[in-house]
Amino acid sequence: MARRLLGPARLDPFALALLALAALCVLIAGLQHARLYHRGYAEVEYIGALFVLNAIGATGVILTLILQRAWLFVLGALAICVPSLVSSALSHSTGLLGGAAITTAVNQSFPTCPFRGDRREWGG
């Protein structure tokens, strides 16, 4: 089983197109995390470092697809995207790891953001 996950895979064109689309999404997410890090989230304790790790991880995951390791790509993409979505939902609802600092960073970075201000204003 490990040999199948780690070895190169020959993919049909449809599967390759789907994986390329997924890789584009992972790339965009990684670039967004890097961008947000430089636009204020670097100042937020813990969260800034996690944003950098997300950007680095996205790069590594995309390299697995370039190296034709499709299963590693799928597992890596899930390992990056699922925790990112969960932590984003938690930060907007419970104030994950210091919600006040995150709210301040959002307010400074995105003056027109719909999540701007106190979480109670947008139903959190």
PDB file of N, CA and C in Angstrom:
ATOM      1  N   MET A   1       0.819  -1.191   0.000  1.00  0.00           N
ATOM      2  CA  MET A   1       0.000   0.000   0.000  1.00  0.00           C
ATOM      3  C   MET A   1       0.864   1.257   0.000  1.00  0.00           C
ATOM      4  N   ALA A   2       1.898   1.279   0.835  1.00  0.00           N
ATOM      5  CA  ALA A   2       2.761   2.455   0.890  1.00  0.00           C
ATOM      6  C   ALA A   2       3.446   2.694  -0.448  1.00  0.00           C
ATOM      7  N   ARG A   3       3.789   1.616  -1.122  1.00  0.00           N
ATOM      8  CA  ARG A   3       4.442   1.753  -2.425  1.00  0.00           C
ATOM      9  C   ARG A   3       3.507   2.440  -3.427  1.00  0.00           C
ATOM     10  N   ARG A   4       2.217   2.111  -3.355  1.00  0.00           N
ATOM     11  CA  ARG A   4       1.245   2.725  -4.265  1.00  0.00           C
ATOM     12  C   ARG A   4       1.083   4.218  -3.958  1.00  0.00           C
ATOM     13  N   LEU A   5       1.082   4.583  -2.681  1.00  0.00           N
ATOM     14  CA  LEU A   5       0.922   5.984  -2.312  1.00  0.00           C
ATOM     15  C   LEU A   5       2.148   6.816  -2.670  1.00  0.00           C
ATOM     16  N   LEU A   6       3.310   6.221  -2.541  1.00  0.00           N
ATOM     17  CA  LEU A   6       4.547   6.980  -2.752  1.00  0.00           C
ATOM     18  C   LEU A   6       5.043   6.953  -4.187  1.00  0.00           C
ATOM     19  N   GLY A   7       4.638   5.977  -4.953  1.00  0.00           N
ATOM     20  CA  GLY A   7       5.137   5.845  -6.315  1.00  0.00           C
ATOM     21  C   GLY A   7       4.434   6.773  -7.284  1.00  0.00           C
ATOM     22  N   PRO A   8       5.072   6.994  -8.442  1.00  0.00           N
ATOM     23  CA  PRO A   8       4.431   7.824  -9.458  1.00  0.00           C
ATOM     24  C   PRO A   8       3.189   7.136 -10.009  1.00  0.00           C
ATOM     25  N   ALA A   9       2.227   7.938 -10.397  1.00  0.00           N
ATOM     26  CA  ALA A   9       0.968   7.399 -10.912  1.00  0.00           C
ATOM     27  C   ALA A   9       0.726   7.912 -12.322  1.00  0.00           C
ATOM     28  N   ARG A  10       0.240   7.017 -13.175  1.00  0.00           N
ATOM     29  CA  ARG A  10      -0.185   7.417 -14.518  1.00  0.00           C
ATOM     30  C   ARG A  10      -1.670   7.707 -14.452  1.00  0.00           C
ATOM     31  N   LEU A  11      -2.030   8.903 -14.810  1.00  0.00           N
ATOM     32  CA  LEU A  11      -3.417   9.328 -14.676  1.00  0.00           C
ATOM     33  C   LEU A  11      -4.042   9.537 -16.039  1.00  0.00           C
ATOM     34  N   ASP A  12      -5.343   9.239 -16.119  1.00  0.00           N
ATOM     35  CA  ASP A  12      -6.038   9.547 -17.369  1.00  0.00           C
ATOM     36  C   ASP A  12      -6.250  11.064 -17.434  1.00  0.00           C
ATOM     37  N   PRO A  13      -6.516  11.597 -18.608  1.00  0.00           N
ATOM     38  CA  PRO A  13      -6.613  13.052 -18.764  1.00  0.00           C
ATOM     39  C   PRO A  13      -7.663  13.717 -17.876  1.00  0.00           C
ATOM     40  N   PHE A  14      -8.801  13.067 -17.655  1.00  0.00           N
ATOM     41  CA  PHE A  14      -9.838  13.663 -16.817  1.00  0.00           C
ATOM     42  C   PHE A  14      -9.372  13.781 -15.368  1.00  0.00           C
ATOM     43  N   ALA A  15      -8.774  12.720 -14.838  1.00  0.00           N
ATOM     44  CA  ALA A  15      -8.263  12.755 -13.458  1.00  0.00           C
ATOM     45  C   ALA A  15      -7.157  13.795 -13.331  1.00  0.00           C
ATOM     46  N   LEU A  16      -6.305  13.881 -14.322  1.00  0.00           N
ATOM     47  CA  LEU A  16      -5.233  14.874 -14.295  1.00  0.00           C
ATOM     48  C   LEU A  16      -5.800  16.289 -14.322  1.00  0.00           C
ATOM     49  N   ALA A  17      -6.846  16.511 -15.098  1.00  0.00           N
ATOM     50  CA  ALA A  17      -7.473  17.837 -15.140  1.00  0.00           C
ATOM     51  C   ALA A  17      -8.081  18.201 -13.792  1.00  0.00           C
ATOM     52  N   LEU A  18      -8.738  17.244 -13.134  1.00  0.00           N
ATOM     53  CA  LEU A  18      -9.306  17.502 -11.814  1.00  0.00           C
ATOM     54  C   LEU A  18      -8.210  17.801 -10.788  1.00  0.00           C
ATOM     55  N   LEU A  19      -7.125  17.046 -10.842  1.00  0.00           N
ATOM     56  CA  LEU A  19      -6.023  17.286  -9.913  1.00  0.00           C
ATOM     57  C   LEU A  19      -5.347  18.627 -10.190  1.00  0.00           C
ATOM     58  N   ALA A  20      -5.253  18.998 -11.458  1.00  0.00           N
ATOM     59  CA  ALA A  20      -4.671  20.303 -11.796  1.00  0.00           C
ATOM     60  C   ALA A  20      -5.554  21.434 -11.264  1.00  0.00           C
ATOM     61  N   LEU A  21      -6.866  21.275 -11.360  1.00  0.00           N
ATOM     62  CA  LEU A  21      -7.783  22.265 -10.804  1.00  0.00           C
ATOM     63  C   LEU A  21      -7.634  22.347  -9.285  1.00  0.00           C
ATOM     64  N   ALA A  22      -7.518  21.200  -8.638  1.00  0.00           N
ATOM     65  CA  ALA A  22      -7.310  21.172  -7.188  1.00  0.00           C
ATOM     66  C   ALA A  22      -5.975  21.822  -6.828  1.00  0.00           C
ATOM     67  N   ALA A  23      -4.948  21.583  -7.646  1.00  0.00           N
ATOM     68  CA  ALA A  23      -3.645  22.198  -7.393  1.00  0.00           C
ATOM     69  C   ALA A  23      -3.722  23.714  -7.521  1.00  0.00           C
ATOM     70  N   LEU A  24      -4.485  24.195  -8.481  1.00  0.00           N
ATOM     71  CA  LEU A  24      -4.678  25.633  -8.633  1.00  0.00           C
ATOM     72  C   LEU A  24      -5.351  26.214  -7.386  1.00  0.00           C
ATOM     73  N   CYS A  25      -6.342  25.510  -6.868  1.00  0.00           N
ATOM     74  CA  CYS A  25      -7.028  25.974  -5.653  1.00  0.00           C
ATOM     75  C   CYS A  25      -6.079  25.990  -4.455  1.00  0.00           C
ATOM     76  N   VAL A  26      -5.257  24.952  -4.314  1.00  0.00           N
ATOM     77  CA  VAL A  26      -4.281  24.898  -3.221  1.00  0.00           C
ATOM     78  C   VAL A  26      -3.268  26.027  -3.380  1.00  0.00           C
ATOM     79  N   LEU A  27      -2.843  26.295  -4.613  1.00  0.00           N
ATOM     80  CA  LEU A  27      -1.906  27.382  -4.871  1.00  0.00           C
ATOM     81  C   LEU A  27      -2.509  28.732  -4.484  1.00  0.00           C
ATOM     82  N   ILE A  28      -3.743  28.967  -4.879  1.00  0.00           N
ATOM     83  CA  ILE A  28      -4.408  30.233  -4.542  1.00  0.00           C
ATOM     84  C   ILE A  28      -4.534  30.374  -3.027  1.00  0.00           C
ATOM     85  N   ALA A  29      -4.903  29.301  -2.345  1.00  0.00           N
ATOM     86  CA  ALA A  29      -5.014  29.354  -0.884  1.00  0.00           C
ATOM     87  C   ALA A  29      -3.667  29.649  -0.242  1.00  0.00           C
ATOM     88  N   GLY A  30      -2.606  29.027  -0.733  1.00  0.00           N
ATOM     89  CA  GLY A  30      -1.272  29.282  -0.197  1.00  0.00           C
ATOM     90  C   GLY A  30      -0.821  30.713  -0.439  1.00  0.00           C
ATOM     91  N   LEU A  31      -1.088  31.224  -1.629  1.00  0.00           N
ATOM     92  CA  LEU A  31      -0.720  32.612  -1.934  1.00  0.00           C
ATOM     93  C   LEU A  31      -1.523  33.592  -1.080  1.00  0.00           C
ATOM     94  N   GLN A  32      -2.804  33.287  -0.861  1.00  0.00           N
ATOM     95  CA  GLN A  32      -3.625  34.154  -0.010  1.00  0.00           C
ATOM     96  C   GLN A  32      -3.095  34.176   1.425  1.00  0.00           C
ATOM     97  N   HIS A  33      -2.693  33.018   1.933  1.00  0.00           N
ATOM     98  CA  HIS A  33      -2.151  32.982   3.292  1.00  0.00           C
ATOM     99  C   HIS A  33      -0.848  33.779   3.375  1.00  0.00           C
ATOM    100  N   ALA A  34       0.002  33.656   2.363  1.00  0.00           N
ATOM    101  CA  ALA A  34       1.242  34.442   2.359  1.00  0.00           C
ATOM    102  C   ALA A  34       0.938  35.935   2.278  1.00  0.00           C
ATOM    103  N   ARG A  35      -0.026  36.297   1.452  1.00  0.00           N
ATOM    104  CA  ARG A  35      -0.418  37.699   1.298  1.00  0.00           C
ATOM    105  C   ARG A  35      -0.987  38.260   2.603  1.00  0.00           C
ATOM    106  N   LEU A  36      -1.861  37.498   3.235  1.00  0.00           N
ATOM    107  CA  LEU A  36      -2.445  37.942   4.493  1.00  0.00           C
ATOM    108  C   LEU A  36      -1.387  38.061   5.589  1.00  0.00           C
ATOM    109  N   TYR A  37      -0.421  37.169   5.559  1.00  0.00           N
ATOM    110  CA  TYR A  37       0.674  37.249   6.533  1.00  0.00           C
ATOM    111  C   TYR A  37       1.374  38.598   6.420  1.00  0.00           C
ATOM    112  N   HIS A  38       1.634  39.021   5.192  1.00  0.00           N
ATOM    113  CA  HIS A  38       2.340  40.293   4.968  1.00  0.00           C
ATOM    114  C   HIS A  38       1.437  41.509   5.115  1.00  0.00           C
ATOM    115  N   ARG A  39       0.131  41.309   5.193  1.00  0.00           N
ATOM    116  CA  ARG A  39      -0.800  42.440   5.325  1.00  0.00           C
ATOM    117  C   ARG A  39      -1.345  42.604   6.733  1.00  0.00           C
ATOM    118  N   GLY A  40      -0.681  42.026   7.720  1.00  0.00           N
ATOM    119  CA  GLY A  40      -1.093  42.272   9.092  1.00  0.00           C
ATOM    120  C   GLY A  40      -1.169  41.056   9.994  1.00  0.00           C
ATOM    121  N   TYR A  41      -1.340  39.882   9.426  1.00  0.00           N
ATOM    122  CA  TYR A  41      -1.465  38.705  10.272  1.00  0.00           C
ATOM    123  C   TYR A  41      -0.131  38.272  10.874  1.00  0.00           C
ATOM    124  N   ALA A  42       0.972  38.813  10.407  1.00  0.00           N
ATOM    125  CA  ALA A  42       2.282  38.517  11.005  1.00  0.00           C
ATOM    126  C   ALA A  42       2.319  38.985  12.451  1.00  0.00           C
ATOM    127  N   GLU A  43       1.530  39.985  12.776  1.00  0.00           N
ATOM    128  CA  GLU A  43       1.501  40.540  14.127  1.00  0.00           C
ATOM    129  C   GLU A  43       0.652  39.717  15.092  1.00  0.00           C
ATOM    130  N   VAL A  44      -0.170  38.818  14.569  1.00  0.00           N
ATOM    131  CA  VAL A  44      -1.065  38.035  15.418  1.00  0.00           C
ATOM    132  C   VAL A  44      -0.312  36.805  15.917  1.00  0.00           C
ATOM    133  N   GLU A  45      -0.230  36.680  17.244  1.00  0.00           N
ATOM    134  CA  GLU A  45       0.507  35.576  17.848  1.00  0.00           C
ATOM    135  C   GLU A  45      -0.074  34.239  17.392  1.00  0.00           C
ATOM    136  N   TYR A  46       0.767  33.297  17.062  1.00  0.00           N
ATOM    137  CA  TYR A  46       0.437  31.954  16.596  1.00  0.00           C
ATOM    138  C   TYR A  46      -0.160  31.940  15.191  1.00  0.00           C
ATOM    139  N   ILE A  47      -1.141  32.765  14.933  1.00  0.00           N
ATOM    140  CA  ILE A  47      -1.829  32.739  13.648  1.00  0.00           C
ATOM    141  C   ILE A  47      -0.884  33.116  12.512  1.00  0.00           C
ATOM    142  N   GLY A  48      -0.039  34.113  12.728  1.00  0.00           N
ATOM    143  CA  GLY A  48       0.914  34.517  11.699  1.00  0.00           C
ATOM    144  C   GLY A  48       1.811  33.371  11.277  1.00  0.00           C
ATOM    145  N   ALA A  49       2.336  32.652  12.254  1.00  0.00           N
ATOM    146  CA  ALA A  49       3.208  31.509  11.942  1.00  0.00           C
ATOM    147  C   ALA A  49       2.437  30.415  11.208  1.00  0.00           C
ATOM    148  N   LEU A  50       1.196  30.204  11.584  1.00  0.00           N
ATOM    149  CA  LEU A  50       0.384  29.197  10.903  1.00  0.00           C
ATOM    150  C   LEU A  50       0.107  29.587   9.453  1.00  0.00           C
ATOM    151  N   PHE A  51      -0.045  30.883   9.195  1.00  0.00           N
ATOM    152  CA  PHE A  51      -0.251  31.339   7.819  1.00  0.00           C
ATOM    153  C   PHE A  51       0.987  31.061   6.969  1.00  0.00           C
ATOM    154  N   VAL A  52       2.164  31.292   7.523  1.00  0.00           N
ATOM    155  CA  VAL A  52       3.407  31.011   6.787  1.00  0.00           C
ATOM    156  C   VAL A  52       3.523  29.512   6.527  1.00  0.00           C
ATOM    157  N   LEU A  53       3.242  28.692   7.538  1.00  0.00           N
ATOM    158  CA  LEU A  53       3.309  27.246   7.362  1.00  0.00           C
ATOM    159  C   LEU A  53       2.313  26.763   6.309  1.00  0.00           C
ATOM    160  N   ASN A  54       1.158  27.382   6.240  1.00  0.00           N
ATOM    161  CA  ASN A  54       0.182  27.016   5.226  1.00  0.00           C
ATOM    162  C   ASN A  54       0.718  27.309   3.830  1.00  0.00           C
ATOM    163  N   ALA A  55       1.330  28.465   3.663  1.00  0.00           N
ATOM    164  CA  ALA A  55       1.893  28.823   2.353  1.00  0.00           C
ATOM    165  C   ALA A  55       3.008  27.872   1.957  1.00  0.00           C
ATOM    166  N   ILE A  56       3.878  27.517   2.896  1.00  0.00           N
ATOM    167  CA  ILE A  56       4.967  26.581   2.608  1.00  0.00           C
ATOM    168  C   ILE A  56       4.407  25.198   2.298  1.00  0.00           C
ATOM    169  N   GLY A  57       3.427  24.766   3.093  1.00  0.00           N
ATOM    170  CA  GLY A  57       2.809  23.461   2.868  1.00  0.00           C
ATOM    171  C   GLY A  57       2.125  23.368   1.519  1.00  0.00           C
ATOM    172  N   ALA A  58       1.472  24.437   1.103  1.00  0.00           N
ATOM    173  CA  ALA A  58       0.810  24.443  -0.207  1.00  0.00           C
ATOM    174  C   ALA A  58       1.831  24.244  -1.321  1.00  0.00           C
ATOM    175  N   THR A  59       2.975  24.879  -1.176  1.00  0.00           N
ATOM    176  CA  THR A  59       4.039  24.709  -2.175  1.00  0.00           C
ATOM    177  C   THR A  59       4.499  23.258  -2.226  1.00  0.00           C
ATOM    178  N   GLY A  60       4.705  22.656  -1.060  1.00  0.00           N
ATOM    179  CA  GLY A  60       5.125  21.256  -1.006  1.00  0.00           C
ATOM    180  C   GLY A  60       4.106  20.307  -1.593  1.00  0.00           C
ATOM    181  N   VAL A  61       2.844  20.569  -1.327  1.00  0.00           N
ATOM    182  CA  VAL A  61       1.782  19.709  -1.845  1.00  0.00           C
ATOM    183  C   VAL A  61       1.716  19.803  -3.364  1.00  0.00           C
ATOM    184  N   ILE A  62       1.870  20.982  -3.905  1.00  0.00           N
ATOM    185  CA  ILE A  62       1.848  21.136  -5.361  1.00  0.00           C
ATOM    186  C   ILE A  62       3.034  20.417  -5.996  1.00  0.00           C
ATOM    187  N   LEU A  63       4.177  20.437  -5.332  1.00  0.00           N
ATOM    188  CA  LEU A  63       5.342  19.711  -5.846  1.00  0.00           C
ATOM    189  C   LEU A  63       5.078  18.214  -5.929  1.00  0.00           C
ATOM    190  N   THR A  64       4.287  17.658  -5.009  1.00  0.00           N
ATOM    191  CA  THR A  64       3.982  16.225  -5.093  1.00  0.00           C
ATOM    192  C   THR A  64       3.200  15.896  -6.367  1.00  0.00           C
ATOM    193  N   LEU A  65       2.346  16.808  -6.803  1.00  0.00           N
ATOM    194  CA  LEU A  65       1.617  16.563  -8.046  1.00  0.00           C
ATOM    195  C   LEU A  65       2.549  16.690  -9.248  1.00  0.00           C
ATOM    196  N   ILE A  66       3.438  17.672  -9.207  1.00  0.00           N
ATOM    197  CA  ILE A  66       4.406  17.823 -10.295  1.00  0.00           C
ATOM    198  C   ILE A  66       5.277  16.579 -10.409  1.00  0.00           C
ATOM    199  N   LEU A  67       5.586  15.956  -9.258  1.00  0.00           N
ATOM    200  CA  LEU A  67       6.387  14.733  -9.244  1.00  0.00           C
ATOM    201  C   LEU A  67       5.536  13.478  -9.486  1.00  0.00           C
ATOM    202  N   GLN A  68       4.305  13.672  -9.895  1.00  0.00           N
ATOM    203  CA  GLN A  68       3.369  12.606 -10.257  1.00  0.00           C
ATOM    204  C   GLN A  68       3.043  11.677  -9.096  1.00  0.00           C
ATOM    205  N   ARG A  69       2.974  12.217  -7.906  1.00  0.00           N
ATOM    206  CA  ARG A  69       2.563  11.456  -6.718  1.00  0.00           C
ATOM    207  C   ARG A  69       1.131  11.882  -6.371  1.00  0.00           C
ATOM    208  N   ALA A  70       0.177  11.375  -7.135  1.00  0.00           N
ATOM    209  CA  ALA A  70      -1.214  11.834  -7.038  1.00  0.00           C
ATOM    210  C   ALA A  70      -1.808  11.594  -5.656  1.00  0.00           C
ATOM    211  N   TRP A  71      -1.590  10.415  -5.082  1.00  0.00           N
ATOM    212  CA  TRP A  71      -2.173  10.131  -3.770  1.00  0.00           C
ATOM    213  C   TRP A  71      -1.580  11.009  -2.688  1.00  0.00           C
ATOM    214  N   LEU A  72      -0.282  11.268  -2.753  1.00  0.00           N
ATOM    215  CA  LEU A  72       0.326  12.178  -1.781  1.00  0.00           C
ATOM    216  C   LEU A  72      -0.233  13.583  -1.943  1.00  0.00           C
ATOM    217  N   PHE A  73      -0.492  13.975  -3.179  1.00  0.00           N
ATOM    218  CA  PHE A  73      -1.096  15.284  -3.415  1.00  0.00           C
ATOM    219  C   PHE A  73      -2.479  15.362  -2.774  1.00  0.00           C
ATOM    220  N   VAL A  74      -3.305  14.353  -2.998  1.00  0.00           N
ATOM    221  CA  VAL A  74      -4.659  14.351  -2.447  1.00  0.00           C
ATOM    222  C   VAL A  74      -4.612  14.395  -0.920  1.00  0.00           C
ATOM    223  N   LEU A  75      -3.776  13.555  -0.320  1.00  0.00           N
ATOM    224  CA  LEU A  75      -3.667  13.542   1.142  1.00  0.00           C
ATOM    225  C   LEU A  75      -3.129  14.872   1.667  1.00  0.00           C
ATOM    226  N   GLY A  76      -2.140  15.429   0.991  1.00  0.00           N
ATOM    227  CA  GLY A  76      -1.576  16.717   1.408  1.00  0.00           C
ATOM    228  C   GLY A  76      -2.571  17.857   1.266  1.00  0.00           C
ATOM    229  N   ALA A  77      -3.314  17.855   0.169  1.00  0.00           N
ATOM    230  CA  ALA A  77      -4.315  18.910  -0.037  1.00  0.00           C
ATOM    231  C   ALA A  77      -5.384  18.844   1.047  1.00  0.00           C
ATOM    232  N   LEU A  78      -5.809  17.639   1.388  1.00  0.00           N
ATOM    233  CA  LEU A  78      -6.784  17.497   2.471  1.00  0.00           C
ATOM    234  C   LEU A  78      -6.198  17.919   3.812  1.00  0.00           C
ATOM    235  N   ALA A  79      -4.931  17.580   4.026  1.00  0.00           N
ATOM    236  CA  ALA A  79      -4.268  17.936   5.291  1.00  0.00           C
ATOM    237  C   ALA A  79      -4.102  19.445   5.445  1.00  0.00           C
ATOM    238  N   ILE A  80      -4.064  20.169   4.353  1.00  0.00           N
ATOM    239  CA  ILE A  80      -3.949  21.628   4.419  1.00  0.00           C
ATOM    240  C   ILE A  80      -5.331  22.282   4.437  1.00  0.00           C
ATOM    241  N   CYS A  81      -6.206  21.861   3.557  1.00  0.00           N
ATOM    242  CA  CYS A  81      -7.478  22.562   3.371  1.00  0.00           C
ATOM    243  C   CYS A  81      -8.484  22.333   4.498  1.00  0.00           C
ATOM    244  N   VAL A  82      -8.615  21.116   4.972  1.00  0.00           N
ATOM    245  CA  VAL A  82      -9.605  20.844   6.018  1.00  0.00           C
ATOM    246  C   VAL A  82      -9.291  21.612   7.299  1.00  0.00           C
ATOM    247  N   PRO A  83      -8.056  21.538   7.835  1.00  0.00           N
ATOM    248  CA  PRO A  83      -7.774  22.335   9.039  1.00  0.00           C
ATOM    249  C   PRO A  83      -7.905  23.840   8.801  1.00  0.00           C
ATOM    250  N   SER A  84      -7.575  24.310   7.608  1.00  0.00           N
ATOM    251  CA  SER A  84      -7.718  25.736   7.311  1.00  0.00           C
ATOM    252  C   SER A  84      -9.178  26.164   7.365  1.00  0.00           C
ATOM    253  N   LEU A  85     -10.050  25.372   6.776  1.00  0.00           N
ATOM    254  CA  LEU A  85     -11.472  25.704   6.793  1.00  0.00           C
ATOM    255  C   LEU A  85     -12.052  25.634   8.208  1.00  0.00           C
ATOM    256  N   VAL A  86     -11.656  24.619   8.974  1.00  0.00           N
ATOM    257  CA  VAL A  86     -12.144  24.483  10.347  1.00  0.00           C
ATOM    258  C   VAL A  86     -11.658  25.647  11.207  1.00  0.00           C
ATOM    259  N   SER A  87     -10.369  25.990  11.103  1.00  0.00           N
ATOM    260  CA  SER A  87      -9.850  27.087  11.923  1.00  0.00           C
ATOM    261  C   SER A  87     -10.434  28.432  11.499  1.00  0.00           C
ATOM    262  N   SER A  88     -10.729  28.590  10.219  1.00  0.00           N
ATOM    263  CA  SER A  88     -11.374  29.819   9.775  1.00  0.00           C
ATOM    264  C   SER A  88     -12.775  29.935  10.367  1.00  0.00           C
ATOM    265  N   ALA A  89     -13.521  28.849  10.339  1.00  0.00           N
ATOM    266  CA  ALA A  89     -14.859  28.856  10.927  1.00  0.00           C
ATOM    267  C   ALA A  89     -14.792  29.111  12.431  1.00  0.00           C
ATOM    268  N   LEU A  90     -13.832  28.487  13.109  1.00  0.00           N
ATOM    269  CA  LEU A  90     -13.685  28.705  14.552  1.00  0.00           C
ATOM    270  C   LEU A  90     -13.282  30.136  14.874  1.00  0.00           C
ATOM    271  N   SER A  91     -12.399  30.700  14.072  1.00  0.00           N
ATOM    272  CA  SER A  91     -11.943  32.065  14.363  1.00  0.00           C
ATOM    273  C   SER A  91     -13.064  33.078  14.182  1.00  0.00           C
ATOM    274  N   HIS A  92     -13.981  32.798  13.277  1.00  0.00           N
ATOM    275  CA  HIS A  92     -15.096  33.716  13.059  1.00  0.00           C
ATOM    276  C   HIS A  92     -16.245  33.491  14.033  1.00  0.00           C
ATOM    277  N   SER A  93     -16.266  32.338  14.696  1.00  0.00           N
ATOM    278  CA  SER A  93     -17.377  32.066  15.611  1.00  0.00           C
ATOM    279  C   SER A  93     -16.963  32.126  17.079  1.00  0.00           C
ATOM    280  N   THR A  94     -15.765  31.652  17.410  1.00  0.00           N
ATOM    281  CA  THR A  94     -15.358  31.594  18.818  1.00  0.00           C
ATOM    282  C   THR A  94     -14.168  32.476  19.139  1.00  0.00           C
ATOM    283  N   GLY A  95     -13.513  33.029  18.149  1.00  0.00           N
ATOM    284  CA  GLY A  95     -12.323  33.833  18.408  1.00  0.00           C
ATOM    285  C   GLY A  95     -11.108  32.967  18.664  1.00  0.00           C
ATOM    286  N   LEU A  96     -10.877  31.998  17.830  1.00  0.00           N
ATOM    287  CA  LEU A  96      -9.765  31.064  17.948  1.00  0.00           C
ATOM    288  C   LEU A  96      -8.455  31.786  18.217  1.00  0.00           C
ATOM    289  N   LEU A  97      -7.764  31.411  19.253  1.00  0.00           N
ATOM    290  CA  LEU A  97      -6.436  31.926  19.603  1.00  0.00           C
ATOM    291  C   LEU A  97      -6.375  33.449  19.664  1.00  0.00           C
ATOM    292  N   GLY A  98      -7.317  34.044  20.298  1.00  0.00           N
ATOM    293  CA  GLY A  98      -7.286  35.496  20.473  1.00  0.00           C
ATOM    294  C   GLY A  98      -8.070  36.230  19.423  1.00  0.00           C
ATOM    295  N   GLY A  99      -9.362  36.087  19.459  1.00  0.00           N
ATOM    296  CA  GLY A  99     -10.231  36.679  18.449  1.00  0.00           C
ATOM    297  C   GLY A  99     -10.098  38.183  18.335  1.00  0.00           C
ATOM    298  N   ALA A 100      -9.814  38.876  19.441  1.00  0.00           N
ATOM    299  CA  ALA A 100      -9.693  40.338  19.385  1.00  0.00           C
ATOM    300  C   ALA A 100      -8.515  40.746  18.510  1.00  0.00           C
ATOM    301  N   ALA A 101      -7.407  40.023  18.614  1.00  0.00           N
ATOM    302  CA  ALA A 101      -6.242  40.354  17.793  1.00  0.00           C
ATOM    303  C   ALA A 101      -6.517  40.078  16.326  1.00  0.00           C
ATOM    304  N   ILE A 102      -7.221  39.015  16.047  1.00  0.00           N
ATOM    305  CA  ILE A 102      -7.554  38.688  14.665  1.00  0.00           C
ATOM    306  C   ILE A 102      -8.504  39.737  14.098  1.00  0.00           C
ATOM    307  N   THR A 103      -9.486  40.136  14.888  1.00  0.00           N
ATOM    308  CA  THR A 103     -10.419  41.165  14.441  1.00  0.00           C
ATOM    309  C   THR A 103      -9.685  42.462  14.143  1.00  0.00           C
ATOM    310  N   THR A 104      -8.721  42.820  14.986  1.00  0.00           N
ATOM    311  CA  THR A 104      -7.922  44.025  14.752  1.00  0.00           C
ATOM    312  C   THR A 104      -7.142  43.905  13.454  1.00  0.00           C
ATOM    313  N   ALA A 105      -6.522  42.741  13.221  1.00  0.00           N
ATOM    314  CA  ALA A 105      -5.751  42.542  11.989  1.00  0.00           C
ATOM    315  C   ALA A 105      -6.644  42.623  10.763  1.00  0.00           C
ATOM    316  N   VAL A 106      -7.842  42.045  10.842  1.00  0.00           N
ATOM    317  CA  VAL A 106      -8.777  42.112   9.714  1.00  0.00           C
ATOM    318  C   VAL A 106      -9.194  43.556   9.472  1.00  0.00           C
ATOM    319  N   ASN A 107      -9.504  44.277  10.536  1.00  0.00           N
ATOM    320  CA  ASN A 107      -9.922  45.669  10.388  1.00  0.00           C
ATOM    321  C   ASN A 107      -8.845  46.512   9.732  1.00  0.00           C
ATOM    322  N   GLN A 108      -7.586  46.288  10.078  1.00  0.00           N
ATOM    323  CA  GLN A 108      -6.497  47.072   9.506  1.00  0.00           C
ATOM    324  C   GLN A 108      -6.198  46.665   8.073  1.00  0.00           C
ATOM    325  N   SER A 109      -6.303  45.382   7.782  1.00  0.00           N
ATOM    326  CA  SER A 109      -5.928  44.887   6.462  1.00  0.00           C
ATOM    327  C   SER A 109      -7.012  45.048   5.416  1.00  0.00           C
ATOM    328  N   PHE A 110      -8.266  44.937   5.844  1.00  0.00           N
ATOM    329  CA  PHE A 110      -9.373  44.940   4.904  1.00  0.00           C
ATOM    330  C   PHE A 110     -10.452  45.908   5.376  1.00  0.00           C
ATOM    331  N   PRO A 111     -10.309  47.180   5.069  1.00  0.00           N
ATOM    332  CA  PRO A 111     -11.281  48.154   5.556  1.00  0.00           C
ATOM    333  C   PRO A 111     -12.700  47.921   5.068  1.00  0.00           C
ATOM    334  N   THR A 112     -12.886  47.227   3.947  1.00  0.00           N
ATOM    335  CA  THR A 112     -14.232  46.993   3.434  1.00  0.00           C
ATOM    336  C   THR A 112     -14.692  45.554   3.647  1.00  0.00           C
ATOM    337  N   CYS A 113     -14.001  44.804   4.494  1.00  0.00           N
ATOM    338  CA  CYS A 113     -14.323  43.396   4.736  1.00  0.00           C
ATOM    339  C   CYS A 113     -15.686  43.266   5.402  1.00  0.00           C
ATOM    340  N   PRO A 114     -16.527  42.315   4.965  1.00  0.00           N
ATOM    341  CA  PRO A 114     -17.838  42.146   5.598  1.00  0.00           C
ATOM    342  C   PRO A 114     -17.729  41.639   7.032  1.00  0.00           C
ATOM    343  N   PHE A 115     -16.594  41.056   7.419  1.00  0.00           N
ATOM    344  CA  PHE A 115     -16.406  40.554   8.774  1.00  0.00           C
ATOM    345  C   PHE A 115     -15.755  41.591   9.674  1.00  0.00           C
ATOM    346  N   ARG A 116     -15.673  42.799   9.206  1.00  0.00           N
ATOM    347  CA  ARG A 116     -15.020  43.871   9.947  1.00  0.00           C
ATOM    348  C   ARG A 116     -15.776  44.184  11.234  1.00  0.00           C
ATOM    349  N   GLY A 117     -15.038  44.468  12.283  1.00  0.00           N
ATOM    350  CA  GLY A 117     -15.654  44.876  13.542  1.00  0.00           C
ATOM    351  C   GLY A 117     -15.859  43.726  14.502  1.00  0.00           C
ATOM    352  N   ASP A 118     -16.684  43.970  15.467  1.00  0.00           N
ATOM    353  CA  ASP A 118     -16.971  42.999  16.504  1.00  0.00           C
ATOM    354  C   ASP A 118     -17.728  41.816  15.902  1.00  0.00           C
ATOM    355  N   ARG A 119     -17.403  40.603  16.368  1.00  0.00           N
ATOM    356  CA  ARG A 119     -18.041  39.395  15.829  1.00  0.00           C
ATOM    357  C   ARG A 119     -19.564  39.455  15.997  1.00  0.00           C
ATOM    358  N   ARG A 120     -20.052  40.100  17.018  1.00  0.00           N
ATOM    359  CA  ARG A 120     -21.499  40.151  17.246  1.00  0.00           C
ATOM    360  C   ARG A 120     -22.212  40.888  16.116  1.00  0.00           C
ATOM    361  N   GLU A 121     -21.495  41.758  15.421  1.00  0.00           N
ATOM    362  CA  GLU A 121     -22.127  42.522  14.326  1.00  0.00           C
ATOM    363  C   GLU A 121     -22.504  41.633  13.169  1.00  0.00           C
ATOM    364  N   TRP A 122     -21.801  40.507  12.978  1.00  0.00           N
ATOM    365  CA  TRP A 122     -22.103  39.664  11.829  1.00  0.00           C
ATOM    366  C   TRP A 122     -22.576  38.272  12.238  1.00  0.00           C
ATOM    367  N   GLY A 123     -23.132  38.178  13.435  1.00  0.00           N
ATOM    368  CA  GLY A 123     -23.793  36.949  13.845  1.00  0.00           C
ATOM    369  C   GLY A 123     -22.895  35.930  14.492  1.00  0.00           C
ATOM    370  N   GLY A 124     -21.649  36.285  14.854  1.00  0.00           N
ATOM    371  CA  GLY A 124     -20.739  35.307  15.460  1.00  0.00           C
ATOM    372  C   GLY A 124     -20.894  35.191  16.937  1.00  0.00           C
TER     373      GLY A 124
END
